[in-house]
C-alpha cells in the first residue's frame, strides 16, 4: 500500500485548517520556490514552524531553489525530510552531508528531463528519490506519461539500495493505478479540491 503526502505551498495565505480534517495522511509536503530555479516564488518559511507546532505528521520540504544549502539551517529543525533538486547549483554530496548532520532524512528530486542515471551514484546515501511527474513550478499540470518508464527504471535499483520512490505532480485517481511501484504519492489539487478528500486519500493508497 502506498503512502500519501498532501502538497502545500510555502505561502503566507496557505490555509493549514484544510489539513486538520485529513485522515490517514502520511506526510505533509511543502513546496518552496525561489523564483529563479522555477518561475514561481513561495518563500514563506515560517510555515514550517507553524506546521510542526500544529501537526505530528512527518513534514517534507521540497526545495525548488538553486541554492538548497542556504535553506537547511533556516528550516531543518521543523522538518523530517529535506528534498532538493539534483539540477540545483549546489554540490549534491555537500547538501546530503549537511542534512545528515542534523539526523534528518534526505531526498533527491529529478525533473522530468533528468535521467535516472544522474541519481544512481547517490542512492546509497539518501532515503528518497522524488520523480517529478510534471515540470516544476505550479499545480494542475498534466502528468507526463514517460514518468512511468522512469519509475520502472528506478525501481530496479531497490534490490540493492534502501530508498523510497516518491512521485509528485499531475497525479489523479486514474494514472495512480499505474503507479504500483511507487512508495509515496504527493498530491495537492487532487486531494484538496476533492469533494471528499479523505476518500481520495484512501484511493491513492491502493
N, C-alpha and C. Protein backbone atom coordinates (compact mmCIF):
# COMPACT_ATOMS: atom_id res chain seq x y z
N UNK A 1 0.84 -1.20 0.00
CA UNK A 1 0.00 0.00 0.00
C UNK A 1 0.87 1.25 0.00
N UNK A 2 0.54 2.18 -0.87
CA UNK A 2 1.31 3.41 -0.97
C UNK A 2 1.00 4.35 0.20
N UNK A 3 1.94 5.24 0.47
CA UNK A 3 1.70 6.31 1.42
C UNK A 3 1.36 7.59 0.65
N UNK A 4 0.70 8.51 1.32
CA UNK A 4 0.22 9.72 0.65
C UNK A 4 0.70 10.97 1.39
N UNK A 5 1.19 11.92 0.60
CA UNK A 5 1.59 13.24 1.12
C UNK A 5 0.70 14.30 0.49
N UNK A 6 0.16 15.19 1.31
CA UNK A 6 -0.56 16.33 0.75
C UNK A 6 0.45 17.45 0.53
N UNK A 7 0.41 18.04 -0.66
CA UNK A 7 1.38 19.07 -1.01
C UNK A 7 0.80 20.46 -0.77
N UNK A 8 1.53 21.26 -0.01
CA UNK A 8 1.15 22.64 0.28
C UNK A 8 2.20 23.58 -0.29
N UNK A 9 1.82 24.83 -0.43
CA UNK A 9 2.76 25.85 -0.92
C UNK A 9 3.25 26.71 0.24
N UNK A 10 4.52 27.07 0.22
CA UNK A 10 5.09 27.91 1.28
C UNK A 10 4.70 29.37 1.05
N UNK A 11 3.42 29.62 1.28
CA UNK A 11 2.85 30.96 1.12
C UNK A 11 2.19 31.39 2.42
N UNK A 12 2.17 32.68 2.66
CA UNK A 12 1.60 33.19 3.90
C UNK A 12 0.11 32.91 4.00
N UNK A 13 -0.58 32.84 2.87
CA UNK A 13 -2.02 32.62 2.89
C UNK A 13 -2.41 31.15 2.80
N UNK A 14 -1.45 30.24 2.91
CA UNK A 14 -1.78 28.82 2.91
C UNK A 14 -2.61 28.48 4.14
N UNK A 15 -3.75 27.85 3.91
CA UNK A 15 -4.70 27.54 4.97
C UNK A 15 -4.41 26.15 5.54
N UNK A 16 -3.81 26.10 6.71
CA UNK A 16 -3.47 24.79 7.29
C UNK A 16 -4.69 24.08 7.86
N UNK A 17 -5.79 24.80 8.01
CA UNK A 17 -7.01 24.16 8.53
C UNK A 17 -7.50 23.06 7.61
N UNK A 18 -7.20 23.18 6.31
CA UNK A 18 -7.64 22.17 5.36
C UNK A 18 -6.92 20.84 5.59
N UNK A 19 -5.79 20.88 6.28
CA UNK A 19 -5.07 19.66 6.58
C UNK A 19 -5.62 18.98 7.83
N UNK A 20 -6.17 19.77 8.74
CA UNK A 20 -6.64 19.23 10.02
C UNK A 20 -7.75 18.19 9.85
N UNK A 21 -8.49 18.27 8.77
CA UNK A 21 -9.59 17.34 8.54
C UNK A 21 -9.19 16.13 7.72
N UNK A 22 -7.93 16.05 7.34
CA UNK A 22 -7.47 14.92 6.52
C UNK A 22 -7.06 13.75 7.42
N UNK A 23 -7.59 12.59 7.12
CA UNK A 23 -7.28 11.37 7.88
C UNK A 23 -6.39 10.46 7.02
N UNK A 24 -5.66 9.59 7.68
CA UNK A 24 -4.81 8.61 7.01
C UNK A 24 -3.73 9.27 6.15
N UNK A 25 -3.38 10.47 6.49
CA UNK A 25 -2.33 11.19 5.77
C UNK A 25 -0.97 10.78 6.35
N UNK A 26 0.00 10.51 5.48
CA UNK A 26 1.31 10.03 5.94
C UNK A 26 2.36 11.13 6.03
N UNK A 27 2.26 12.13 5.15
CA UNK A 27 3.23 13.22 5.14
C UNK A 27 2.55 14.54 4.76
N UNK A 28 3.17 15.63 5.21
CA UNK A 28 2.84 16.96 4.69
C UNK A 28 4.06 17.40 3.88
N UNK A 29 3.82 17.66 2.61
CA UNK A 29 4.88 18.01 1.66
C UNK A 29 4.74 19.50 1.35
N UNK A 30 5.81 20.26 1.59
CA UNK A 30 5.73 21.72 1.41
C UNK A 30 6.68 22.15 0.29
N UNK A 31 6.11 22.80 -0.71
CA UNK A 31 6.88 23.29 -1.85
C UNK A 31 7.45 24.68 -1.56
N UNK A 32 8.76 24.80 -1.71
CA UNK A 32 9.45 26.09 -1.58
C UNK A 32 10.05 26.43 -2.94
N UNK A 33 9.77 27.64 -3.44
CA UNK A 33 10.27 28.05 -4.76
C UNK A 33 10.91 29.43 -4.64
N UNK A 34 12.06 29.58 -5.31
CA UNK A 34 12.82 30.83 -5.15
C UNK A 34 12.62 31.84 -6.27
N UNK A 35 11.79 31.52 -7.28
CA UNK A 35 11.57 32.44 -8.38
C UNK A 35 12.72 32.46 -9.38
N UNK A 36 13.74 31.62 -9.14
CA UNK A 36 14.90 31.54 -10.03
C UNK A 36 15.00 30.14 -10.63
N UNK A 37 15.02 29.13 -9.76
CA UNK A 37 15.04 27.74 -10.23
C UNK A 37 13.74 27.44 -10.99
N UNK A 38 12.64 28.00 -10.49
CA UNK A 38 11.35 27.97 -11.18
C UNK A 38 10.80 29.39 -11.18
N UNK A 39 9.79 29.63 -12.00
CA UNK A 39 9.26 30.99 -12.14
C UNK A 39 8.51 31.49 -10.91
N UNK A 40 7.80 30.60 -10.24
CA UNK A 40 7.02 31.00 -9.08
C UNK A 40 7.90 31.26 -7.87
N UNK A 41 7.37 32.07 -6.95
CA UNK A 41 8.07 32.35 -5.69
C UNK A 41 7.18 31.97 -4.52
N UNK A 42 7.67 31.05 -3.69
CA UNK A 42 6.95 30.61 -2.49
C UNK A 42 7.99 30.46 -1.39
N UNK A 43 8.18 31.50 -0.62
CA UNK A 43 9.29 31.54 0.33
C UNK A 43 8.86 31.87 1.76
N UNK A 44 7.63 31.54 2.10
CA UNK A 44 7.17 31.80 3.46
C UNK A 44 7.63 30.64 4.35
N UNK A 45 8.87 30.72 4.82
CA UNK A 45 9.48 29.62 5.57
C UNK A 45 8.90 29.46 6.96
N UNK A 46 8.23 30.47 7.46
CA UNK A 46 7.57 30.38 8.77
C UNK A 46 6.51 29.28 8.78
N UNK A 47 6.03 28.90 7.60
CA UNK A 47 5.01 27.85 7.51
C UNK A 47 5.50 26.54 8.12
N UNK A 48 6.79 26.26 8.02
CA UNK A 48 7.30 25.01 8.57
C UNK A 48 7.16 24.97 10.10
N UNK A 49 7.45 26.06 10.75
CA UNK A 49 7.29 26.14 12.20
C UNK A 49 5.82 26.00 12.58
N UNK A 50 4.95 26.63 11.82
CA UNK A 50 3.50 26.56 12.09
C UNK A 50 3.01 25.12 11.95
N UNK A 51 3.43 24.45 10.91
CA UNK A 51 3.00 23.07 10.69
C UNK A 51 3.54 22.15 11.78
N UNK A 52 4.81 22.34 12.14
CA UNK A 52 5.42 21.48 13.17
C UNK A 52 4.72 21.67 14.52
N UNK A 53 4.25 22.88 14.77
CA UNK A 53 3.54 23.18 16.02
C UNK A 53 2.16 22.56 16.05
N UNK A 54 1.53 22.43 14.89
CA UNK A 54 0.13 22.00 14.83
C UNK A 54 -0.09 20.54 14.46
N UNK A 55 0.94 19.88 13.91
CA UNK A 55 0.75 18.51 13.44
C UNK A 55 1.87 17.59 13.89
N UNK A 56 1.53 16.31 14.06
CA UNK A 56 2.53 15.29 14.36
C UNK A 56 2.91 14.52 13.11
N UNK A 57 2.28 14.84 12.00
CA UNK A 57 2.55 14.18 10.72
C UNK A 57 3.94 14.59 10.24
N UNK A 58 4.74 13.64 9.74
CA UNK A 58 6.08 13.99 9.23
C UNK A 58 6.00 15.04 8.12
N UNK A 59 6.95 15.97 8.15
CA UNK A 59 6.96 17.08 7.21
C UNK A 59 8.15 16.94 6.25
N UNK A 60 7.85 17.04 4.97
CA UNK A 60 8.86 17.03 3.91
C UNK A 60 8.96 18.43 3.32
N UNK A 61 10.17 18.94 3.20
CA UNK A 61 10.39 20.21 2.50
C UNK A 61 10.92 19.89 1.11
N UNK A 62 10.25 20.41 0.10
CA UNK A 62 10.68 20.22 -1.29
C UNK A 62 11.22 21.55 -1.80
N UNK A 63 12.54 21.64 -1.86
CA UNK A 63 13.22 22.89 -2.21
C UNK A 63 13.45 23.00 -3.71
N UNK A 64 12.64 23.82 -4.37
CA UNK A 64 12.84 24.12 -5.79
C UNK A 64 13.62 25.43 -5.87
N UNK A 65 14.89 25.34 -5.51
CA UNK A 65 15.76 26.52 -5.38
C UNK A 65 17.13 26.19 -5.97
N UNK A 66 17.87 27.23 -6.34
CA UNK A 66 19.19 26.99 -6.92
C UNK A 66 20.25 26.72 -5.85
N UNK A 67 19.97 27.13 -4.61
CA UNK A 67 20.98 27.04 -3.55
C UNK A 67 20.42 26.40 -2.28
N UNK A 68 20.08 25.12 -2.32
CA UNK A 68 19.47 24.46 -1.16
C UNK A 68 20.29 24.54 0.13
N UNK A 69 21.60 24.62 0.02
CA UNK A 69 22.44 24.71 1.23
C UNK A 69 22.05 25.91 2.10
N UNK A 70 21.65 26.98 1.48
CA UNK A 70 21.32 28.20 2.21
C UNK A 70 20.00 28.11 2.97
N UNK A 71 19.24 27.06 2.73
CA UNK A 71 17.94 26.92 3.39
C UNK A 71 17.95 25.92 4.55
N UNK A 72 18.97 25.08 4.59
CA UNK A 72 18.96 23.99 5.57
C UNK A 72 18.83 24.49 7.00
N UNK A 73 19.72 25.38 7.42
CA UNK A 73 19.70 25.86 8.80
C UNK A 73 18.43 26.62 9.14
N UNK A 74 17.82 27.23 8.14
CA UNK A 74 16.62 28.05 8.37
C UNK A 74 15.40 27.21 8.74
N UNK A 75 15.33 25.97 8.22
CA UNK A 75 14.08 25.19 8.39
C UNK A 75 14.30 23.78 8.93
N UNK A 76 15.51 23.31 9.02
CA UNK A 76 15.76 21.90 9.29
C UNK A 76 15.16 21.42 10.61
N UNK A 77 15.09 22.29 11.61
CA UNK A 77 14.56 21.86 12.91
C UNK A 77 13.07 21.55 12.88
N UNK A 78 12.39 22.03 11.84
CA UNK A 78 10.95 21.82 11.73
C UNK A 78 10.59 20.73 10.72
N UNK A 79 11.59 19.99 10.24
CA UNK A 79 11.39 19.01 9.19
C UNK A 79 11.68 17.59 9.65
N UNK A 80 11.17 16.66 8.86
CA UNK A 80 11.57 15.27 8.99
C UNK A 80 12.42 14.83 7.80
N UNK A 81 12.19 15.47 6.64
CA UNK A 81 12.95 15.14 5.44
C UNK A 81 13.15 16.39 4.59
N UNK A 82 14.35 16.48 4.00
CA UNK A 82 14.73 17.63 3.18
C UNK A 82 14.97 17.13 1.76
N UNK A 83 14.12 17.57 0.82
CA UNK A 83 14.26 17.18 -0.58
C UNK A 83 14.82 18.35 -1.39
N UNK A 84 15.77 18.06 -2.26
CA UNK A 84 16.32 19.12 -3.11
C UNK A 84 16.57 18.56 -4.51
N UNK A 85 16.63 19.45 -5.49
CA UNK A 85 16.79 19.03 -6.88
C UNK A 85 18.24 18.78 -7.23
N UNK A 86 18.47 17.69 -7.93
CA UNK A 86 19.82 17.37 -8.38
C UNK A 86 20.30 18.39 -9.41
N UNK A 87 19.35 19.11 -10.01
CA UNK A 87 19.70 20.13 -11.01
C UNK A 87 20.13 21.46 -10.38
N UNK A 88 20.04 21.56 -9.05
CA UNK A 88 20.42 22.79 -8.36
C UNK A 88 21.93 23.03 -8.50
N UNK A 89 22.34 24.28 -8.25
CA UNK A 89 23.74 24.64 -8.44
C UNK A 89 24.66 24.11 -7.34
N UNK A 90 24.13 23.91 -6.14
CA UNK A 90 24.96 23.44 -5.04
C UNK A 90 25.42 21.99 -5.26
N UNK A 91 26.56 21.65 -4.70
CA UNK A 91 27.10 20.30 -4.82
C UNK A 91 26.19 19.31 -4.10
N UNK A 92 25.77 18.28 -4.81
CA UNK A 92 24.81 17.32 -4.28
C UNK A 92 25.33 16.63 -3.02
N UNK A 93 26.57 16.15 -3.04
CA UNK A 93 27.12 15.45 -1.88
C UNK A 93 27.19 16.36 -0.66
N UNK A 94 27.50 17.60 -0.88
CA UNK A 94 27.61 18.55 0.23
C UNK A 94 26.25 18.78 0.88
N UNK A 95 25.20 18.88 0.08
CA UNK A 95 23.86 19.07 0.62
C UNK A 95 23.44 17.84 1.43
N UNK A 96 23.67 16.66 0.88
CA UNK A 96 23.34 15.42 1.59
C UNK A 96 24.05 15.37 2.94
N UNK A 97 25.32 15.65 2.93
CA UNK A 97 26.13 15.61 4.17
C UNK A 97 25.60 16.61 5.19
N UNK A 98 25.25 17.79 4.75
CA UNK A 98 24.79 18.83 5.67
C UNK A 98 23.46 18.45 6.31
N UNK A 99 22.55 17.91 5.52
CA UNK A 99 21.25 17.49 6.07
C UNK A 99 21.44 16.38 7.09
N UNK A 100 22.30 15.43 6.79
CA UNK A 100 22.50 14.28 7.68
C UNK A 100 23.15 14.69 9.00
N UNK A 101 23.85 15.80 9.02
CA UNK A 101 24.42 16.30 10.26
C UNK A 101 23.35 16.56 11.31
N UNK A 102 22.13 16.84 10.84
CA UNK A 102 21.00 17.13 11.74
C UNK A 102 20.14 15.88 11.99
N UNK A 103 20.64 14.72 11.54
CA UNK A 103 19.91 13.46 11.71
C UNK A 103 18.52 13.50 11.07
N UNK A 104 18.44 14.13 9.93
CA UNK A 104 17.19 14.18 9.17
C UNK A 104 17.34 13.33 7.91
N UNK A 105 16.19 12.90 7.38
CA UNK A 105 16.22 12.16 6.12
C UNK A 105 16.39 13.12 4.95
N UNK A 106 16.91 12.58 3.86
CA UNK A 106 17.21 13.43 2.70
C UNK A 106 16.72 12.75 1.42
N UNK A 107 16.21 13.57 0.52
CA UNK A 107 15.74 13.05 -0.77
C UNK A 107 16.26 13.90 -1.91
N UNK A 108 16.50 13.26 -3.04
CA UNK A 108 16.90 13.96 -4.26
C UNK A 108 15.72 13.96 -5.22
N UNK A 109 15.50 15.11 -5.83
CA UNK A 109 14.39 15.28 -6.77
C UNK A 109 14.94 15.37 -8.19
N UNK A 110 14.24 14.70 -9.12
CA UNK A 110 14.63 14.74 -10.53
C UNK A 110 13.51 15.37 -11.36
N UNK A 111 13.87 16.35 -12.17
CA UNK A 111 12.93 16.92 -13.12
C UNK A 111 12.62 15.90 -14.22
N UNK A 112 11.53 16.08 -14.95
CA UNK A 112 11.15 15.12 -16.00
C UNK A 112 12.25 14.86 -17.03
N UNK A 113 13.04 15.86 -17.33
CA UNK A 113 14.07 15.70 -18.36
C UNK A 113 15.38 15.11 -17.84
N UNK A 114 15.49 14.94 -16.54
CA UNK A 114 16.73 14.43 -15.95
C UNK A 114 16.72 12.91 -15.90
N UNK A 115 17.72 12.24 -16.47
CA UNK A 115 17.74 10.77 -16.48
C UNK A 115 18.00 10.17 -15.10
N UNK A 116 17.54 8.96 -14.91
CA UNK A 116 17.73 8.23 -13.66
C UNK A 116 19.22 8.05 -13.36
N UNK A 117 20.02 7.94 -14.37
CA UNK A 117 21.47 7.72 -14.19
C UNK A 117 22.12 8.81 -13.34
N UNK A 118 21.53 10.01 -13.31
CA UNK A 118 22.09 11.11 -12.53
C UNK A 118 22.03 10.85 -11.03
N UNK A 119 21.02 10.13 -10.58
CA UNK A 119 20.84 9.92 -9.14
C UNK A 119 21.49 8.64 -8.64
N UNK A 120 21.79 7.73 -9.54
CA UNK A 120 22.33 6.42 -9.13
C UNK A 120 23.56 6.52 -8.23
N UNK A 121 24.53 7.41 -8.49
CA UNK A 121 25.71 7.47 -7.62
C UNK A 121 25.41 7.86 -6.17
N UNK A 122 24.19 8.37 -5.92
CA UNK A 122 23.86 8.85 -4.57
C UNK A 122 22.88 7.94 -3.84
N UNK A 123 22.44 6.86 -4.47
CA UNK A 123 21.37 6.04 -3.89
C UNK A 123 21.75 5.41 -2.56
N UNK A 124 23.02 5.20 -2.32
CA UNK A 124 23.45 4.60 -1.06
C UNK A 124 23.42 5.59 0.10
N UNK A 125 23.27 6.87 -0.22
CA UNK A 125 23.38 7.92 0.80
C UNK A 125 22.07 8.65 1.09
N UNK A 126 21.00 8.30 0.38
CA UNK A 126 19.75 9.04 0.52
C UNK A 126 18.60 8.12 0.92
N UNK A 127 17.52 8.74 1.36
CA UNK A 127 16.34 7.98 1.82
C UNK A 127 15.22 7.96 0.79
N UNK A 128 15.19 8.98 -0.07
CA UNK A 128 14.09 9.10 -1.04
C UNK A 128 14.62 9.56 -2.39
N UNK A 129 13.91 9.17 -3.45
CA UNK A 129 14.06 9.80 -4.75
C UNK A 129 12.66 10.25 -5.17
N UNK A 130 12.53 11.54 -5.41
CA UNK A 130 11.25 12.11 -5.85
C UNK A 130 11.35 12.37 -7.35
N UNK A 131 10.47 11.72 -8.10
CA UNK A 131 10.39 11.94 -9.53
C UNK A 131 9.25 12.91 -9.82
N UNK A 132 9.56 13.98 -10.52
CA UNK A 132 8.53 14.95 -10.89
C UNK A 132 7.73 14.41 -12.08
N UNK A 133 6.41 14.37 -11.90
CA UNK A 133 5.52 13.92 -12.98
C UNK A 133 5.13 15.06 -13.89
N UNK A 134 5.55 16.28 -13.54
CA UNK A 134 5.31 17.49 -14.34
C UNK A 134 6.58 18.34 -14.24
N UNK A 135 6.68 19.35 -15.08
CA UNK A 135 7.77 20.32 -14.91
C UNK A 135 7.46 21.18 -13.70
N UNK A 136 8.41 21.34 -12.78
CA UNK A 136 8.13 22.02 -11.52
C UNK A 136 7.79 23.50 -11.70
N UNK A 137 6.94 23.99 -10.80
CA UNK A 137 6.64 25.42 -10.81
C UNK A 137 5.22 25.78 -10.47
N UNK A 138 4.25 24.90 -10.84
CA UNK A 138 2.87 25.23 -10.50
C UNK A 138 2.01 23.97 -10.49
N UNK A 139 0.90 24.03 -9.78
CA UNK A 139 -0.01 22.89 -9.66
C UNK A 139 -0.96 22.82 -10.85
N UNK A 140 -1.57 21.64 -11.02
CA UNK A 140 -2.63 21.48 -12.00
C UNK A 140 -2.18 21.05 -13.38
N UNK A 141 -0.87 20.77 -13.56
CA UNK A 141 -0.38 20.32 -14.86
C UNK A 141 -0.74 18.86 -15.12
N UNK A 142 -0.71 18.47 -16.39
CA UNK A 142 -0.98 17.09 -16.75
C UNK A 142 0.26 16.22 -16.54
N UNK A 143 0.02 15.03 -16.06
CA UNK A 143 1.06 14.04 -15.79
C UNK A 143 1.80 13.68 -17.08
N UNK A 144 3.13 13.67 -17.03
CA UNK A 144 3.94 13.31 -18.19
C UNK A 144 4.06 11.78 -18.24
N UNK A 145 3.54 11.13 -19.30
CA UNK A 145 3.49 9.66 -19.35
C UNK A 145 4.83 8.96 -19.19
N UNK A 146 5.91 9.58 -19.67
CA UNK A 146 7.22 8.94 -19.59
C UNK A 146 7.69 8.74 -18.14
N UNK A 147 7.01 9.41 -17.21
CA UNK A 147 7.34 9.22 -15.79
C UNK A 147 7.23 7.75 -15.39
N UNK A 148 6.29 7.03 -15.99
CA UNK A 148 6.11 5.61 -15.68
C UNK A 148 7.37 4.83 -16.03
N UNK A 149 7.96 5.13 -17.18
CA UNK A 149 9.20 4.45 -17.58
C UNK A 149 10.33 4.75 -16.60
N UNK A 150 10.38 5.99 -16.12
CA UNK A 150 11.42 6.36 -15.17
C UNK A 150 11.22 5.64 -13.84
N UNK A 151 9.97 5.50 -13.42
CA UNK A 151 9.67 4.77 -12.18
C UNK A 151 10.14 3.32 -12.31
N UNK A 152 9.83 2.72 -13.44
CA UNK A 152 10.22 1.32 -13.66
C UNK A 152 11.73 1.16 -13.65
N UNK A 153 12.42 2.10 -14.27
CA UNK A 153 13.89 2.05 -14.30
C UNK A 153 14.47 2.23 -12.91
N UNK A 154 13.95 3.20 -12.16
CA UNK A 154 14.46 3.47 -10.82
C UNK A 154 14.18 2.31 -9.87
N UNK A 155 13.02 1.69 -10.01
CA UNK A 155 12.63 0.61 -9.09
C UNK A 155 13.58 -0.59 -9.16
N UNK A 156 14.30 -0.74 -10.26
CA UNK A 156 15.24 -1.86 -10.39
C UNK A 156 16.40 -1.74 -9.40
N UNK A 157 16.65 -0.53 -8.94
CA UNK A 157 17.75 -0.31 -8.01
C UNK A 157 17.36 -0.58 -6.56
N UNK A 158 16.08 -0.85 -6.31
CA UNK A 158 15.64 -1.04 -4.93
C UNK A 158 16.09 -2.37 -4.34
N UNK A 159 16.50 -3.29 -5.18
CA UNK A 159 17.04 -4.55 -4.67
C UNK A 159 18.40 -4.35 -4.02
N UNK A 160 19.10 -3.33 -4.47
CA UNK A 160 20.47 -3.09 -3.98
C UNK A 160 20.53 -1.96 -2.96
N UNK A 161 19.65 -0.97 -3.09
CA UNK A 161 19.70 0.22 -2.23
C UNK A 161 18.39 0.39 -1.47
N UNK A 162 18.49 0.99 -0.29
CA UNK A 162 17.32 1.17 0.56
C UNK A 162 16.80 2.61 0.45
N UNK A 163 15.88 2.84 -0.46
CA UNK A 163 15.30 4.17 -0.62
C UNK A 163 13.83 4.03 -1.05
N UNK A 164 13.08 5.09 -0.87
CA UNK A 164 11.67 5.11 -1.26
C UNK A 164 11.50 5.97 -2.51
N UNK A 165 10.57 5.56 -3.36
CA UNK A 165 10.25 6.33 -4.57
C UNK A 165 9.00 7.16 -4.31
N UNK A 166 9.14 8.45 -4.52
CA UNK A 166 8.05 9.41 -4.37
C UNK A 166 7.77 10.01 -5.75
N UNK A 167 6.51 10.25 -6.05
CA UNK A 167 6.15 10.90 -7.32
C UNK A 167 5.25 12.09 -7.01
N UNK A 168 5.53 13.20 -7.67
CA UNK A 168 4.82 14.45 -7.40
C UNK A 168 4.46 15.13 -8.71
N UNK A 169 3.18 15.50 -8.84
CA UNK A 169 2.77 16.31 -9.98
C UNK A 169 1.87 15.58 -10.96
N UNK A 170 0.67 16.10 -11.15
CA UNK A 170 -0.23 15.58 -12.17
C UNK A 170 -0.90 14.27 -11.86
N UNK A 171 -0.83 13.83 -10.61
CA UNK A 171 -1.40 12.53 -10.25
C UNK A 171 -2.89 12.66 -9.99
N UNK A 172 -3.67 11.77 -10.59
CA UNK A 172 -5.11 11.69 -10.34
C UNK A 172 -5.47 10.23 -10.07
N UNK A 173 -6.75 9.98 -9.84
CA UNK A 173 -7.15 8.62 -9.47
C UNK A 173 -6.99 7.62 -10.59
N UNK A 174 -6.93 8.10 -11.83
CA UNK A 174 -6.75 7.20 -12.97
C UNK A 174 -5.29 6.80 -13.14
N UNK A 175 -4.41 7.79 -13.29
CA UNK A 175 -3.00 7.42 -13.51
C UNK A 175 -2.34 6.85 -12.26
N UNK A 176 -2.94 7.07 -11.10
CA UNK A 176 -2.43 6.47 -9.87
C UNK A 176 -2.43 4.94 -9.95
N UNK A 177 -3.34 4.39 -10.75
CA UNK A 177 -3.43 2.93 -10.90
C UNK A 177 -2.19 2.36 -11.57
N UNK A 178 -1.44 3.22 -12.27
CA UNK A 178 -0.24 2.77 -12.98
C UNK A 178 1.01 2.88 -12.11
N UNK A 179 0.85 3.41 -10.90
CA UNK A 179 2.00 3.72 -10.05
C UNK A 179 2.20 2.67 -8.95
N UNK A 180 2.12 1.42 -9.32
CA UNK A 180 2.20 0.34 -8.34
C UNK A 180 3.60 0.17 -7.75
N UNK A 181 4.62 0.72 -8.42
CA UNK A 181 5.99 0.58 -7.90
C UNK A 181 6.44 1.79 -7.10
N UNK A 182 5.51 2.68 -6.81
CA UNK A 182 5.79 3.90 -6.07
C UNK A 182 5.49 3.71 -4.59
N UNK A 183 6.30 4.29 -3.73
CA UNK A 183 6.09 4.20 -2.28
C UNK A 183 5.24 5.34 -1.74
N UNK A 184 5.40 6.54 -2.32
CA UNK A 184 4.70 7.73 -1.83
C UNK A 184 4.10 8.50 -3.00
N UNK A 185 2.85 8.90 -2.84
CA UNK A 185 2.18 9.77 -3.80
C UNK A 185 2.06 11.15 -3.16
N UNK A 186 2.60 12.16 -3.83
CA UNK A 186 2.46 13.54 -3.35
C UNK A 186 1.47 14.27 -4.24
N UNK A 187 0.45 14.84 -3.63
CA UNK A 187 -0.60 15.46 -4.43
C UNK A 187 -1.16 16.68 -3.73
N UNK A 188 -1.49 17.68 -4.51
CA UNK A 188 -2.11 18.90 -3.98
C UNK A 188 -3.56 18.99 -4.43
N UNK A 189 -3.78 19.33 -5.69
CA UNK A 189 -5.13 19.61 -6.17
C UNK A 189 -6.03 18.39 -6.16
N UNK A 190 -5.51 17.21 -6.46
CA UNK A 190 -6.36 16.01 -6.46
C UNK A 190 -6.98 15.76 -5.09
N UNK A 191 -6.22 16.06 -4.04
CA UNK A 191 -6.74 15.89 -2.68
C UNK A 191 -7.55 17.10 -2.23
N UNK A 192 -6.95 18.27 -2.30
CA UNK A 192 -7.55 19.45 -1.67
C UNK A 192 -8.76 20.00 -2.42
N UNK A 193 -8.88 19.68 -3.70
CA UNK A 193 -10.05 20.15 -4.46
C UNK A 193 -11.16 19.12 -4.56
N UNK A 194 -10.94 17.98 -3.92
CA UNK A 194 -11.94 16.91 -3.98
C UNK A 194 -13.12 17.21 -3.06
N UNK A 195 -14.29 16.70 -3.43
CA UNK A 195 -15.47 16.84 -2.58
C UNK A 195 -15.29 16.05 -1.29
N UNK A 196 -14.62 14.91 -1.39
CA UNK A 196 -14.35 14.08 -0.22
C UNK A 196 -12.85 13.75 -0.20
N UNK A 197 -12.02 14.67 0.32
CA UNK A 197 -10.57 14.47 0.30
C UNK A 197 -10.10 13.17 0.97
N UNK A 198 -10.77 12.78 2.04
CA UNK A 198 -10.34 11.57 2.75
C UNK A 198 -10.59 10.31 1.93
N UNK A 199 -11.67 10.31 1.16
CA UNK A 199 -11.93 9.18 0.26
C UNK A 199 -10.86 9.11 -0.82
N UNK A 200 -10.46 10.27 -1.33
CA UNK A 200 -9.40 10.34 -2.36
C UNK A 200 -8.08 9.83 -1.80
N UNK A 201 -7.74 10.22 -0.58
CA UNK A 201 -6.50 9.75 0.05
C UNK A 201 -6.48 8.22 0.12
N UNK A 202 -7.60 7.65 0.54
CA UNK A 202 -7.68 6.18 0.63
C UNK A 202 -7.53 5.51 -0.73
N UNK A 203 -8.09 6.12 -1.77
CA UNK A 203 -7.97 5.56 -3.11
C UNK A 203 -6.55 5.69 -3.65
N UNK A 204 -5.87 6.77 -3.31
CA UNK A 204 -4.48 6.96 -3.75
C UNK A 204 -3.55 5.93 -3.11
N UNK A 205 -3.90 5.43 -1.96
CA UNK A 205 -3.05 4.47 -1.25
C UNK A 205 -3.07 3.09 -1.91
N UNK A 206 -4.09 2.83 -2.69
CA UNK A 206 -4.25 1.49 -3.31
C UNK A 206 -3.20 1.27 -4.40
